[in-house]
Amino acid sequence: MIQAVVVDIEGTTSPTAAVREDLYGYTRERLPEWLAENSSAAARPVLTATRELAGRPDADPEEVAAILREWLDTDVKAEPLKTAQGLICAEGFRGGALHGEFFPDVPPALAAWREAGLALYVYSSGSVRNQQDWFAFARGGNLSPLISGYFDLSTAGGKRESSSYDKIAGSIGAPAERILFLSDHPDELDAAVAAGWRVVGLARPGEPNPPRPPHHWVDTFADIDPADPD
């Protein structure tokens, strides 16, 4: 019996375009100014980590901004980029410039699963802070009360590594076989299965990741029954 459902965001609960155009675009535009203005405060760890990862120990904030923008444009899952994005976008969410966008089938399904006694979690490559804001500032209303916890690259590890799912299961406190993972990416589903989780793939129209056997795929949360996910 499933005790917990863990959801991916991009392509699963939310349109990929909304994440990449809204969050990525907002971050890209504001990176240079934010790094320059916060180089001795919030941006210091980002500057240090980016210089180290890029092998550019003497890079000034302008050069670091260029490096981070390149990573953003090529979808590199780097922790300093995700940290910067979380901090920059937090201002956008609170100022009304950004909102979490969800497929219409997602909020009612999450509410029904929570009402049925399931614990709901989020696991995304975006920072925990971005995830929290995405749900709290959802365009249709705050969804964060439905979510019991959030996991990202820094707290769990890479999404294509089975050890990340072992770590999440330990944090949740549920046996692996009682956790259901929902994602649009076959490699992530493979990693979760390797850790003993149950999985369902999301193959939504217009999204970039095609379905791949042997996983069960649907195109809406309405077709998912956590009591019988297969």
C-alpha atoms as a PDB file:
ATOM      1  CA  MET A   1       0.000   0.000   0.000  1.00  0.00           C
ATOM      2  CA  ILE A   2       1.344   3.429  -0.979  1.00  0.00           C
ATOM      3  CA  GLN A   3       2.053   5.755   1.951  1.00  0.00           C
ATOM      4  CA  ALA A   4       3.748   8.665   0.189  1.00  0.00           C
ATOM      5  CA  VAL A   5       3.703  10.260  -3.257  1.00  0.00           C
ATOM      6  CA  VAL A   6       6.764  12.179  -4.471  1.00  0.00           C
ATOM      7  CA  VAL A   7       6.270  14.465  -7.475  1.00  0.00           C
ATOM      8  CA  ASP A   8       8.639  16.076  -9.927  1.00  0.00           C
ATOM      9  CA  ILE A   9       7.716  19.601 -11.082  1.00  0.00           C
ATOM     10  CA  GLU A  10       8.906  20.380 -14.615  1.00  0.00           C
ATOM     11  CA  GLY A  11       6.811  18.436 -17.127  1.00  0.00           C
ATOM     12  CA  THR A  12       4.977  16.595 -14.334  1.00  0.00           C
ATOM     13  CA  THR A  13       2.985  19.025 -12.191  1.00  0.00           C
ATOM     14  CA  SER A  14       3.806  22.062 -14.314  1.00  0.00           C
ATOM     15  CA  PRO A  15       4.501  22.989 -17.943  1.00  0.00           C
ATOM     16  CA  THR A  16       8.174  22.946 -18.854  1.00  0.00           C
ATOM     17  CA  ALA A  17       7.703  26.232 -20.707  1.00  0.00           C
ATOM     18  CA  ALA A  18       6.445  27.965 -17.560  1.00  0.00           C
ATOM     19  CA  VAL A  19       9.501  26.889 -15.579  1.00  0.00           C
ATOM     20  CA  ARG A  20      12.036  27.723 -18.258  1.00  0.00           C
ATOM     21  CA  GLU A  21      10.486  30.929 -19.558  1.00  0.00           C
ATOM     22  CA  ASP A  22       9.312  32.386 -16.257  1.00  0.00           C
ATOM     23  CA  LEU A  23      11.837  31.226 -13.652  1.00  0.00           C
ATOM     24  CA  TYR A  24      14.816  30.897 -15.962  1.00  0.00           C
ATOM     25  CA  GLY A  25      14.033  34.131 -17.772  1.00  0.00           C
ATOM     26  CA  TYR A  26      13.593  36.068 -14.535  1.00  0.00           C
ATOM     27  CA  THR A  27      16.848  34.662 -13.178  1.00  0.00           C
ATOM     28  CA  ARG A  28      18.782  35.289 -16.378  1.00  0.00           C
ATOM     29  CA  GLU A  29      17.751  38.912 -16.560  1.00  0.00           C
ATOM     30  CA  ARG A  30      18.628  39.712 -12.942  1.00  0.00           C
ATOM     31  CA  LEU A  31      21.789  37.641 -12.397  1.00  0.00           C
ATOM     32  CA  PRO A  32      24.437  40.310 -13.159  1.00  0.00           C
ATOM     33  CA  GLU A  33      22.878  42.997 -10.977  1.00  0.00           C
ATOM     34  CA  TRP A  34      22.110  40.586  -8.129  1.00  0.00           C
ATOM     35  CA  LEU A  35      25.654  39.194  -8.028  1.00  0.00           C
ATOM     36  CA  ALA A  36      27.185  42.672  -8.103  1.00  0.00           C
ATOM     37  CA  GLU A  37      24.922  44.053  -5.383  1.00  0.00           C
ATOM     38  CA  ASN A  38      25.228  41.035  -3.070  1.00  0.00           C
ATOM     39  CA  SER A  39      28.838  39.942  -3.618  1.00  0.00           C
ATOM     40  CA  SER A  40      29.706  40.351   0.064  1.00  0.00           C
ATOM     41  CA  ALA A  41      26.462  38.868   1.379  1.00  0.00           C
ATOM     42  CA  ALA A  42      23.938  36.394  -0.071  1.00  0.00           C
ATOM     43  CA  ALA A  43      25.811  36.000  -3.356  1.00  0.00           C
ATOM     44  CA  ARG A  44      29.199  35.198  -1.806  1.00  0.00           C
ATOM     45  CA  PRO A  45      28.664  31.392  -1.609  1.00  0.00           C
ATOM     46  CA  VAL A  46      27.339  31.410  -5.178  1.00  0.00           C
ATOM     47  CA  LEU A  47      30.393  33.288  -6.438  1.00  0.00           C
ATOM     48  CA  THR A  48      32.772  30.958  -4.587  1.00  0.00           C
ATOM     49  CA  ALA A  49      31.094  27.734  -5.728  1.00  0.00           C
ATOM     50  CA  THR A  50      30.773  28.878  -9.343  1.00  0.00           C
ATOM     51  CA  ARG A  51      34.453  29.851  -9.530  1.00  0.00           C
ATOM     52  CA  GLU A  52      35.405  26.442  -8.164  1.00  0.00           C
ATOM     53  CA  LEU A  53      33.136  24.433 -10.466  1.00  0.00           C
ATOM     54  CA  ALA A  54      34.125  26.446 -13.537  1.00  0.00           C
ATOM     55  CA  GLY A  55      37.836  26.397 -12.699  1.00  0.00           C
ATOM     56  CA  ARG A  56      37.916  30.199 -12.804  1.00  0.00           C
ATOM     57  CA  PRO A  57      39.200  31.210  -9.336  1.00  0.00           C
ATOM     58  CA  ASP A  58      39.709  34.867 -10.297  1.00  0.00           C
ATOM     59  CA  ALA A  59      36.350  35.423 -12.037  1.00  0.00           C
ATOM     60  CA  ASP A  60      34.692  38.706 -11.068  1.00  0.00           C
ATOM     61  CA  PRO A  61      30.897  38.941 -10.559  1.00  0.00           C
ATOM     62  CA  GLU A  62      30.356  39.874 -14.213  1.00  0.00           C
ATOM     63  CA  GLU A  63      32.218  36.800 -15.426  1.00  0.00           C
ATOM     64  CA  VAL A  64      30.428  34.587 -12.890  1.00  0.00           C
ATOM     65  CA  ALA A  65      27.109  35.935 -14.198  1.00  0.00           C
ATOM     66  CA  ALA A  66      28.147  34.921 -17.719  1.00  0.00           C
ATOM     67  CA  ILE A  67      29.072  31.425 -16.516  1.00  0.00           C
ATOM     68  CA  LEU A  68      25.773  31.003 -14.672  1.00  0.00           C
ATOM     69  CA  ARG A  69      23.820  32.256 -17.669  1.00  0.00           C
ATOM     70  CA  GLU A  70      25.555  29.701 -19.877  1.00  0.00           C
ATOM     71  CA  TRP A  71      24.680  26.945 -17.396  1.00  0.00           C
ATOM     72  CA  LEU A  72      21.108  28.203 -17.299  1.00  0.00           C
ATOM     73  CA  ASP A  73      20.838  28.194 -21.099  1.00  0.00           C
ATOM     74  CA  THR A  74      22.261  24.663 -21.356  1.00  0.00           C
ATOM     75  CA  ASP A  75      20.226  23.310 -18.411  1.00  0.00           C
ATOM     76  CA  VAL A  76      23.247  22.429 -16.271  1.00  0.00           C
ATOM     77  CA  LYS A  77      22.046  21.203 -12.851  1.00  0.00           C
ATOM     78  CA  ALA A  78      24.627  23.068 -10.788  1.00  0.00           C
ATOM     79  CA  GLU A  79      23.994  23.851  -7.118  1.00  0.00           C
ATOM     80  CA  PRO A  80      25.281  27.462  -7.166  1.00  0.00           C
ATOM     81  CA  LEU A  81      22.972  28.218 -10.080  1.00  0.00           C
ATOM     82  CA  LYS A  82      19.995  26.697  -8.274  1.00  0.00           C
ATOM     83  CA  THR A  83      20.879  28.642  -5.116  1.00  0.00           C
ATOM     84  CA  ALA A  84      21.067  31.927  -7.013  1.00  0.00           C
ATOM     85  CA  GLN A  85      17.834  31.172  -8.827  1.00  0.00           C
ATOM     86  CA  GLY A  86      16.048  30.461  -5.553  1.00  0.00           C
ATOM     87  CA  LEU A  87      17.148  33.723  -3.981  1.00  0.00           C
ATOM     88  CA  ILE A  88      16.504  35.861  -7.051  1.00  0.00           C
ATOM     89  CA  CYS A  89      13.102  34.368  -7.811  1.00  0.00           C
ATOM     90  CA  ALA A  90      12.006  34.668  -4.172  1.00  0.00           C
ATOM     91  CA  GLU A  91      11.869  38.404  -4.781  1.00  0.00           C
ATOM     92  CA  GLY A  92       9.797  37.858  -7.926  1.00  0.00           C
ATOM     93  CA  PHE A  93       7.274  35.611  -6.209  1.00  0.00           C
ATOM     94  CA  ARG A  94       6.805  38.012  -3.331  1.00  0.00           C
ATOM     95  CA  GLY A  95       6.569  40.995  -5.623  1.00  0.00           C
ATOM     96  CA  GLY A  96       3.891  39.412  -7.810  1.00  0.00           C
ATOM     97  CA  ALA A  97       6.053  39.040 -10.920  1.00  0.00           C
ATOM     98  CA  LEU A  98       6.155  35.224 -10.656  1.00  0.00           C
ATOM     99  CA  HIS A  99       3.531  32.571  -9.962  1.00  0.00           C
ATOM    100  CA  GLY A 100       3.591  28.789  -9.799  1.00  0.00           C
ATOM    101  CA  GLU A 101       1.882  27.369 -12.883  1.00  0.00           C
ATOM    102  CA  PHE A 102       0.236  23.938 -12.665  1.00  0.00           C
ATOM    103  CA  PHE A 103      -1.592  21.659 -15.060  1.00  0.00           C
ATOM    104  CA  PRO A 104      -5.317  21.880 -14.185  1.00  0.00           C
ATOM    105  CA  ASP A 105      -5.537  18.213 -13.145  1.00  0.00           C
ATOM    106  CA  VAL A 106      -2.804  18.578 -10.508  1.00  0.00           C
ATOM    107  CA  PRO A 107      -4.329  20.629  -7.635  1.00  0.00           C
ATOM    108  CA  PRO A 108      -7.502  18.521  -7.291  1.00  0.00           C
ATOM    109  CA  ALA A 109      -5.522  15.283  -7.432  1.00  0.00           C
ATOM    110  CA  LEU A 110      -3.058  16.437  -4.787  1.00  0.00           C
ATOM    111  CA  ALA A 111      -5.923  17.565  -2.556  1.00  0.00           C
ATOM    112  CA  ALA A 112      -7.726  14.231  -2.961  1.00  0.00           C
ATOM    113  CA  TRP A 113      -4.582  12.211  -2.228  1.00  0.00           C
ATOM    114  CA  ARG A 114      -3.843  14.260   0.850  1.00  0.00           C
ATOM    115  CA  GLU A 115      -7.441  13.864   2.002  1.00  0.00           C
ATOM    116  CA  ALA A 116      -7.041  10.097   1.553  1.00  0.00           C
ATOM    117  CA  GLY A 117      -4.166  10.151   4.040  1.00  0.00           C
ATOM    118  CA  LEU A 118      -1.172  10.104   1.697  1.00  0.00           C
ATOM    119  CA  ALA A 119       1.891  12.197   2.495  1.00  0.00           C
ATOM    120  CA  LEU A 120       2.959  14.341  -0.464  1.00  0.00           C
ATOM    121  CA  TYR A 121       6.524  15.433  -1.258  1.00  0.00           C
ATOM    122  CA  VAL A 122       8.318  17.296  -4.032  1.00  0.00           C
ATOM    123  CA  TYR A 123      11.677  16.301  -5.573  1.00  0.00           C
ATOM    124  CA  SER A 124      13.021  18.680  -8.187  1.00  0.00           C
ATOM    125  CA  SER A 125      16.388  19.893  -9.443  1.00  0.00           C
ATOM    126  CA  GLY A 126      15.245  23.411  -8.587  1.00  0.00           C
ATOM    127  CA  SER A 127      16.194  24.622  -5.121  1.00  0.00           C
ATOM    128  CA  VAL A 128      13.960  23.829  -2.167  1.00  0.00           C
ATOM    129  CA  ARG A 129      13.292  27.552  -1.855  1.00  0.00           C
ATOM    130  CA  ASN A 130      12.079  27.750  -5.465  1.00  0.00           C
ATOM    131  CA  GLN A 131       9.920  24.675  -4.953  1.00  0.00           C
ATOM    132  CA  GLN A 132       8.312  26.119  -1.827  1.00  0.00           C
ATOM    133  CA  ASP A 133       7.580  29.400  -3.578  1.00  0.00           C
ATOM    134  CA  TRP A 134       6.248  27.629  -6.663  1.00  0.00           C
ATOM    135  CA  PHE A 135       3.602  25.887  -4.545  1.00  0.00           C
ATOM    136  CA  ALA A 136       2.949  28.744  -2.109  1.00  0.00           C
ATOM    137  CA  PHE A 137       2.447  31.308  -4.863  1.00  0.00           C
ATOM    138  CA  ALA A 138       0.524  29.056  -7.254  1.00  0.00           C
ATOM    139  CA  ARG A 139      -1.668  31.069  -9.594  1.00  0.00           C
ATOM    140  CA  GLY A 140      -4.831  29.290  -8.478  1.00  0.00           C
ATOM    141  CA  GLY A 141      -4.073  29.600  -4.762  1.00  0.00           C
ATOM    142  CA  ASN A 142      -1.610  28.361  -2.165  1.00  0.00           C
ATOM    143  CA  LEU A 143      -0.869  24.637  -2.537  1.00  0.00           C
ATOM    144  CA  SER A 144       1.896  24.444   0.065  1.00  0.00           C
ATOM    145  CA  PRO A 145      -0.367  23.150   2.889  1.00  0.00           C
ATOM    146  CA  LEU A 146      -0.711  19.935   0.873  1.00  0.00           C
ATOM    147  CA  ILE A 147       3.041  19.281   0.801  1.00  0.00           C
ATOM    148  CA  SER A 148       4.903  17.598   3.663  1.00  0.00           C
ATOM    149  CA  GLY A 149       8.437  18.234   2.413  1.00  0.00           C
ATOM    150  CA  TYR A 150      10.745  19.191  -0.430  1.00  0.00           C
ATOM    151  CA  PHE A 151      13.969  17.693  -1.808  1.00  0.00           C
ATOM    152  CA  ASP A 152      16.552  19.084  -4.238  1.00  0.00           C
ATOM    153  CA  LEU A 153      20.076  18.374  -5.490  1.00  0.00           C
ATOM    154  CA  SER A 154      21.733  19.572  -2.305  1.00  0.00           C
ATOM    155  CA  THR A 155      19.466  17.686   0.105  1.00  0.00           C
ATOM    156  CA  ALA A 156      18.973  14.444  -1.831  1.00  0.00           C
ATOM    157  CA  GLY A 157      21.417  14.268  -4.742  1.00  0.00           C
ATOM    158  CA  GLY A 158      21.055  13.833  -8.493  1.00  0.00           C
ATOM    159  CA  LYS A 159      17.700  12.684  -9.835  1.00  0.00           C
ATOM    160  CA  ARG A 160      19.223   9.946 -11.991  1.00  0.00           C
ATOM    161  CA  GLU A 161      21.030   8.311  -9.068  1.00  0.00           C
ATOM    162  CA  SER A 162      19.274   5.553  -7.115  1.00  0.00           C
ATOM    163  CA  SER A 163      21.088   6.608  -3.935  1.00  0.00           C
ATOM    164  CA  SER A 164      19.110   9.860  -3.983  1.00  0.00           C
ATOM    165  CA  TYR A 165      15.864   7.929  -3.708  1.00  0.00           C
ATOM    166  CA  ASP A 166      17.312   5.834  -0.870  1.00  0.00           C
ATOM    167  CA  LYS A 167      18.113   9.064   0.954  1.00  0.00           C
ATOM    168  CA  ILE A 168      14.633  10.496   0.405  1.00  0.00           C
ATOM    169  CA  ALA A 169      13.001   7.276   1.605  1.00  0.00           C
ATOM    170  CA  GLY A 170      15.062   7.475   4.775  1.00  0.00           C
ATOM    171  CA  SER A 171      14.001  11.087   5.328  1.00  0.00           C
ATOM    172  CA  ILE A 172      10.351  10.288   4.706  1.00  0.00           C
ATOM    173  CA  GLY A 173      10.492   7.254   6.960  1.00  0.00           C
ATOM    174  CA  ALA A 174       8.551   4.989   4.605  1.00  0.00           C
ATOM    175  CA  PRO A 175       9.599   1.675   3.027  1.00  0.00           C
ATOM    176  CA  ALA A 176      10.750   2.113  -0.562  1.00  0.00           C
ATOM    177  CA  GLU A 177       7.988  -0.106  -1.935  1.00  0.00           C
ATOM    178  CA  ARG A 178       5.368   2.168  -0.334  1.00  0.00           C
ATOM    179  CA  ILE A 179       6.572   5.314  -2.091  1.00  0.00           C
ATOM    180  CA  LEU A 180       5.184   6.354  -5.496  1.00  0.00           C
ATOM    181  CA  PHE A 181       7.252   8.654  -7.708  1.00  0.00           C
ATOM    182  CA  LEU A 182       5.736  10.685 -10.548  1.00  0.00           C
ATOM    183  CA  SER A 183       8.020  12.128 -13.222  1.00  0.00           C
ATOM    184  CA  ASP A 184       8.138  12.845 -16.939  1.00  0.00           C
ATOM    185  CA  HIS A 185      11.763  11.698 -17.270  1.00  0.00           C
ATOM    186  CA  PRO A 186      12.457   7.987 -17.953  1.00  0.00           C
ATOM    187  CA  ASP A 187      15.955   8.110 -16.435  1.00  0.00           C
ATOM    188  CA  GLU A 188      14.554   9.416 -13.158  1.00  0.00           C
ATOM    189  CA  LEU A 189      11.925   6.683 -13.135  1.00  0.00           C
ATOM    190  CA  ASP A 190      14.673   4.093 -13.747  1.00  0.00           C
ATOM    191  CA  ALA A 191      16.648   5.401 -10.760  1.00  0.00           C
ATOM    192  CA  ALA A 192      13.605   5.332  -8.490  1.00  0.00           C
ATOM    193  CA  VAL A 193      12.765   1.763  -9.517  1.00  0.00           C
ATOM    194  CA  ALA A 194      16.364   0.743  -8.814  1.00  0.00           C
ATOM    195  CA  ALA A 195      15.822   2.033  -5.277  1.00  0.00           C
ATOM    196  CA  GLY A 196      12.690  -0.088  -4.918  1.00  0.00           C
ATOM    197  CA  TRP A 197      10.098   2.651  -5.437  1.00  0.00           C
ATOM    198  CA  ARG A 198       6.865   2.393  -7.403  1.00  0.00           C
ATOM    199  CA  VAL A 199       6.643   4.802 -10.346  1.00  0.00           C
ATOM    200  CA  VAL A 200       4.258   6.266 -12.906  1.00  0.00           C
ATOM    201  CA  GLY A 201       5.470   8.319 -15.862  1.00  0.00           C
ATOM    202  CA  LEU A 202       3.752  11.476 -17.085  1.00  0.00           C
ATOM    203  CA  ALA A 203       3.606  11.860 -20.871  1.00  0.00           C
ATOM    204  CA  ARG A 204       1.755  15.142 -21.275  1.00  0.00           C
ATOM    205  CA  PRO A 205       1.018  16.584 -24.731  1.00  0.00           C
ATOM    206  CA  GLY A 206       3.606  19.119 -25.789  1.00  0.00           C
ATOM    207  CA  GLU A 207       6.192  18.142 -23.193  1.00  0.00           C
ATOM    208  CA  PRO A 208       9.711  17.232 -24.371  1.00  0.00           C
ATOM    209  CA  ASN A 209      10.384  13.809 -22.775  1.00  0.00           C
ATOM    210  CA  PRO A 210       8.869  10.846 -24.666  1.00  0.00           C
ATOM    211  CA  PRO A 211       7.672   7.811 -22.690  1.00  0.00           C
ATOM    212  CA  ARG A 212       9.887   4.751 -22.517  1.00  0.00           C
ATOM    213  CA  PRO A 213       9.180   1.156 -21.432  1.00  0.00           C
ATOM    214  CA  PRO A 214       8.861  -0.616 -19.112  1.00  0.00           C
ATOM    215  CA  HIS A 215       7.149   2.051 -17.018  1.00  0.00           C
ATOM    216  CA  HIS A 216       3.432   2.754 -16.882  1.00  0.00           C
ATOM    217  CA  TRP A 217       2.637   6.157 -18.447  1.00  0.00           C
ATOM    218  CA  VAL A 218      -0.387   8.459 -18.235  1.00  0.00           C
ATOM    219  CA  ASP A 219      -1.068  11.983 -19.459  1.00  0.00           C
ATOM    220  CA  THR A 220      -2.967  13.315 -16.451  1.00  0.00           C
ATOM    221  CA  PHE A 221      -2.956  12.953 -12.670  1.00  0.00           C
ATOM    222  CA  ALA A 222      -6.643  12.083 -12.952  1.00  0.00           C
ATOM    223  CA  ASP A 223      -5.634   8.675 -14.327  1.00  0.00           C
ATOM    224  CA  ILE A 224      -3.391   7.849 -11.357  1.00  0.00           C
ATOM    225  CA  ASP A 225      -4.739   5.734  -8.527  1.00  0.00           C
ATOM    226  CA  PRO A 226      -2.089   5.629  -5.773  1.00  0.00           C
ATOM    227  CA  ALA A 227      -3.830   2.598  -4.291  1.00  0.00           C
ATOM    228  CA  ASP A 228      -3.152   0.733  -7.564  1.00  0.00           C
ATOM    229  CA  PRO A 229      -0.510   2.705  -9.495  1.00  0.00           C
ATOM    230  CA  ASP A 230       0.205  -0.062 -12.012  1.00  0.00           C
END
